Amino acid sequence: EVDDMLADIGGFAGVTEAVAELKTAATTGGGFTISDDGANTLTSALNAVLDQVNIALAKGVELGHQPALGTTPAANTLKPFLATIWSDGAQGGQKALAQLKQDLSDAIDTIKKSSASYQRNEQHVQGTLA
């Protein structure tokens, strides 16, 4: 289910773009605001995903080590390659998850700020009606 959602938005890079658009909408004259209830629900869900990303990052450290595949020529060729799938600085799993972690944190911060903006606007409207 998560894989389908990521495919729909263009993978992890799509998350980065979506969070950037959310930030832009939240900072351009009230283009995005959210109630406390909505913000709490959304940030709770994002925090649950963030927890899983943190678990994956912690477990992923093991993936950066060469696996014990034996000493055959094929194994000796594959071992270093398999370790770089996780640790490659340009496109490895570790880098992708670290970016996802940052994006989720940014989204949570943006949602909290948007909720505060929503509350200020609600107080202002109530004040003008009183």
C-alpha atoms as a PDB file:
ATOM      1  CA  GLU A   1       0.000   0.000   0.000  1.00  0.00           C
ATOM      2  CA  VAL A   2       2.809   2.429   0.902  1.00  0.00           C
ATOM      3  CA  ASP A   3       4.704   1.393  -2.246  1.00  0.00           C
ATOM      4  CA  ASP A   4       1.634   2.246  -4.349  1.00  0.00           C
ATOM      5  CA  MET A   5       1.340   5.655  -2.705  1.00  0.00           C
ATOM      6  CA  LEU A   6       5.030   6.379  -3.276  1.00  0.00           C
ATOM      7  CA  ALA A   7       4.733   5.333  -6.915  1.00  0.00           C
ATOM      8  CA  ASP A   8       1.750   7.656  -7.338  1.00  0.00           C
ATOM      9  CA  ILE A   9       3.724  10.671  -6.105  1.00  0.00           C
ATOM     10  CA  GLY A  10       6.998   9.811  -7.807  1.00  0.00           C
ATOM     11  CA  GLY A  11       8.785   7.922  -5.019  1.00  0.00           C
ATOM     12  CA  PHE A  12      10.651   9.636  -2.220  1.00  0.00           C
ATOM     13  CA  ALA A  13      11.564  12.513  -4.543  1.00  0.00           C
ATOM     14  CA  GLY A  14       7.840  13.109  -4.936  1.00  0.00           C
ATOM     15  CA  VAL A  15       7.552  13.451  -1.159  1.00  0.00           C
ATOM     16  CA  THR A  16      10.220  16.160  -1.191  1.00  0.00           C
ATOM     17  CA  GLU A  17       8.338  18.034  -3.907  1.00  0.00           C
ATOM     18  CA  ALA A  18       5.003  17.640  -2.114  1.00  0.00           C
ATOM     19  CA  VAL A  19       6.459  18.970   1.146  1.00  0.00           C
ATOM     20  CA  ALA A  20       7.991  21.938  -0.688  1.00  0.00           C
ATOM     21  CA  GLU A  21       4.584  22.711  -2.216  1.00  0.00           C
ATOM     22  CA  LEU A  22       2.950  22.392   1.203  1.00  0.00           C
ATOM     23  CA  LYS A  23       5.453  24.857   2.671  1.00  0.00           C
ATOM     24  CA  THR A  24       4.822  27.285  -0.169  1.00  0.00           C
ATOM     25  CA  ALA A  25       1.054  27.031   0.237  1.00  0.00           C
ATOM     26  CA  ALA A  26       1.345  27.546   3.990  1.00  0.00           C
ATOM     27  CA  THR A  27       3.472  30.673   3.655  1.00  0.00           C
ATOM     28  CA  THR A  28       1.621  32.443   0.844  1.00  0.00           C
ATOM     29  CA  GLY A  29      -1.198  34.386   2.388  1.00  0.00           C
ATOM     30  CA  GLY A  30      -3.111  31.544   3.992  1.00  0.00           C
ATOM     31  CA  GLY A  31      -2.970  29.228   1.001  1.00  0.00           C
ATOM     32  CA  PHE A  32      -3.015  26.315   3.441  1.00  0.00           C
ATOM     33  CA  THR A  33      -4.327  26.286   6.976  1.00  0.00           C
ATOM     34  CA  ILE A  34      -5.633  23.418   9.042  1.00  0.00           C
ATOM     35  CA  SER A  35      -7.714  23.069  12.192  1.00  0.00           C
ATOM     36  CA  ASP A  36      -6.254  21.669  15.401  1.00  0.00           C
ATOM     37  CA  ASP A  37      -8.158  18.404  14.972  1.00  0.00           C
ATOM     38  CA  GLY A  38      -6.971  18.009  11.388  1.00  0.00           C
ATOM     39  CA  ALA A  39      -3.412  18.933  12.319  1.00  0.00           C
ATOM     40  CA  ASN A  40      -3.378  16.489  15.224  1.00  0.00           C
ATOM     41  CA  THR A  41      -4.674  13.657  13.050  1.00  0.00           C
ATOM     42  CA  LEU A  42      -2.246  14.384  10.242  1.00  0.00           C
ATOM     43  CA  THR A  43       0.809  14.905  12.441  1.00  0.00           C
ATOM     44  CA  SER A  44      -0.028  11.730  14.368  1.00  0.00           C
ATOM     45  CA  ALA A  45      -0.020   9.758  11.117  1.00  0.00           C
ATOM     46  CA  LEU A  46       3.188  11.418   9.918  1.00  0.00           C
ATOM     47  CA  ASN A  47       4.858  10.746  13.273  1.00  0.00           C
ATOM     48  CA  ALA A  48       3.926   7.062  12.937  1.00  0.00           C
ATOM     49  CA  VAL A  49       5.620   6.971   9.528  1.00  0.00           C
ATOM     50  CA  LEU A  50       8.595   8.899  10.930  1.00  0.00           C
ATOM     51  CA  ASP A  51       8.941   6.295  13.697  1.00  0.00           C
ATOM     52  CA  GLN A  52       9.093   3.542  11.077  1.00  0.00           C
ATOM     53  CA  VAL A  53      11.687   5.472   9.055  1.00  0.00           C
ATOM     54  CA  ASN A  54      13.820   5.826  12.195  1.00  0.00           C
ATOM     55  CA  ILE A  55      13.544   2.087  12.820  1.00  0.00           C
ATOM     56  CA  ALA A  56      14.521   1.364   9.211  1.00  0.00           C
ATOM     57  CA  LEU A  57      17.509   3.718   9.459  1.00  0.00           C
ATOM     58  CA  ALA A  58      18.671   2.019  12.652  1.00  0.00           C
ATOM     59  CA  LYS A  59      18.295  -1.459  11.168  1.00  0.00           C
ATOM     60  CA  GLY A  60      19.815  -0.343   7.888  1.00  0.00           C
ATOM     61  CA  VAL A  61      23.248   0.102   9.405  1.00  0.00           C
ATOM     62  CA  GLU A  62      23.646  -3.654   9.046  1.00  0.00           C
ATOM     63  CA  LEU A  63      22.895  -3.369   5.337  1.00  0.00           C
ATOM     64  CA  GLY A  64      25.990  -1.243   4.835  1.00  0.00           C
ATOM     65  CA  HIS A  65      28.210  -4.196   5.704  1.00  0.00           C
ATOM     66  CA  GLN A  66      29.274  -6.754   3.166  1.00  0.00           C
ATOM     67  CA  PRO A  67      27.166  -9.884   3.511  1.00  0.00           C
ATOM     68  CA  ALA A  68      28.747 -13.259   4.221  1.00  0.00           C
ATOM     69  CA  LEU A  69      28.320 -14.882   0.829  1.00  0.00           C
ATOM     70  CA  GLY A  70      31.417 -17.035   0.809  1.00  0.00           C
ATOM     71  CA  THR A  71      34.616 -16.691  -1.181  1.00  0.00           C
ATOM     72  CA  THR A  72      33.651 -17.692  -4.693  1.00  0.00           C
ATOM     73  CA  PRO A  73      34.520 -15.231  -7.463  1.00  0.00           C
ATOM     74  CA  ALA A  74      30.813 -14.357  -7.839  1.00  0.00           C
ATOM     75  CA  ALA A  75      30.425 -13.792  -4.094  1.00  0.00           C
ATOM     76  CA  ASN A  76      33.530 -11.595  -4.010  1.00  0.00           C
ATOM     77  CA  THR A  77      32.077  -9.521  -6.841  1.00  0.00           C
ATOM     78  CA  LEU A  78      28.621  -9.200  -5.272  1.00  0.00           C
ATOM     79  CA  LYS A  79      29.586  -8.501  -1.645  1.00  0.00           C
ATOM     80  CA  PRO A  80      30.855  -4.929  -2.132  1.00  0.00           C
ATOM     81  CA  PHE A  81      28.016  -4.117  -4.529  1.00  0.00           C
ATOM     82  CA  LEU A  82      25.301  -5.338  -2.148  1.00  0.00           C
ATOM     83  CA  ALA A  83      26.694  -3.192   0.663  1.00  0.00           C
ATOM     84  CA  THR A  84      26.561  -0.054  -1.508  1.00  0.00           C
ATOM     85  CA  ILE A  85      22.851  -0.483  -2.201  1.00  0.00           C
ATOM     86  CA  TRP A  86      22.336   0.857   1.314  1.00  0.00           C
ATOM     87  CA  SER A  87      25.341   3.113   1.786  1.00  0.00           C
ATOM     88  CA  ASP A  88      25.911   4.701  -1.639  1.00  0.00           C
ATOM     89  CA  GLY A  89      26.174   8.430  -1.008  1.00  0.00           C
ATOM     90  CA  ALA A  90      24.429   9.437  -4.224  1.00  0.00           C
ATOM     91  CA  GLN A  91      21.456   7.114  -4.358  1.00  0.00           C
ATOM     92  CA  GLY A  92      21.648   4.553  -1.568  1.00  0.00           C
ATOM     93  CA  GLY A  93      18.802   3.538   0.678  1.00  0.00           C
ATOM     94  CA  GLN A  94      20.306   5.309   3.669  1.00  0.00           C
ATOM     95  CA  LYS A  95      20.388   8.633   1.844  1.00  0.00           C
ATOM     96  CA  ALA A  96      16.833   8.204   0.581  1.00  0.00           C
ATOM     97  CA  LEU A  97      15.474   7.392   4.036  1.00  0.00           C
ATOM     98  CA  ALA A  98      17.420  10.248   5.623  1.00  0.00           C
ATOM     99  CA  GLN A  99      15.825  12.632   3.105  1.00  0.00           C
ATOM    100  CA  LEU A 100      12.401  11.124   3.797  1.00  0.00           C
ATOM    101  CA  LYS A 101      12.987  11.653   7.525  1.00  0.00           C
ATOM    102  CA  GLN A 102      13.796  15.319   6.910  1.00  0.00           C
ATOM    103  CA  ASP A 103      10.775  15.730   4.629  1.00  0.00           C
ATOM    104  CA  LEU A 104       8.437  14.208   7.212  1.00  0.00           C
ATOM    105  CA  SER A 105       9.845  16.472   9.923  1.00  0.00           C
ATOM    106  CA  ASP A 106       9.416  19.499   7.650  1.00  0.00           C
ATOM    107  CA  ALA A 107       5.825  18.489   6.850  1.00  0.00           C
ATOM    108  CA  ILE A 108       5.001  18.099  10.543  1.00  0.00           C
ATOM    109  CA  ASP A 109       6.488  21.535  11.323  1.00  0.00           C
ATOM    110  CA  THR A 110       4.583  23.117   8.429  1.00  0.00           C
ATOM    111  CA  ILE A 111       1.303  21.545   9.535  1.00  0.00           C
ATOM    112  CA  LYS A 112       1.816  22.786  13.097  1.00  0.00           C
ATOM    113  CA  LYS A 113       2.539  26.309  11.841  1.00  0.00           C
ATOM    114  CA  SER A 114      -0.513  26.173   9.557  1.00  0.00           C
ATOM    115  CA  SER A 115      -2.665  25.089  12.476  1.00  0.00           C
ATOM    116  CA  ALA A 116      -1.402  28.028  14.530  1.00  0.00           C
ATOM    117  CA  SER A 117      -2.213  30.335  11.598  1.00  0.00           C
ATOM    118  CA  TYR A 118      -5.696  28.826  11.389  1.00  0.00           C
ATOM    119  CA  GLN A 119      -6.233  29.444  15.104  1.00  0.00           C
ATOM    120  CA  ARG A 120      -5.050  33.064  14.847  1.00  0.00           C
ATOM    121  CA  ASN A 121      -7.411  33.630  11.924  1.00  0.00           C
ATOM    122  CA  GLU A 122     -10.321  32.045  13.817  1.00  0.00           C
ATOM    123  CA  GLN A 123      -9.645  34.271  16.841  1.00  0.00           C
ATOM    124  CA  HIS A 124      -9.476  37.322  14.605  1.00  0.00           C
ATOM    125  CA  VAL A 125     -12.782  36.451  12.914  1.00  0.00           C
ATOM    126  CA  GLN A 126     -14.454  35.819  16.271  1.00  0.00           C
ATOM    127  CA  GLY A 127     -13.076  39.093  17.577  1.00  0.00           C
ATOM    128  CA  THR A 128     -14.527  41.049  14.663  1.00  0.00           C
ATOM    129  CA  LEU A 129     -17.936  39.400  15.109  1.00  0.00           C
ATOM    130  CA  ALA A 130     -18.140  40.100  18.834  1.00  0.00           C
END
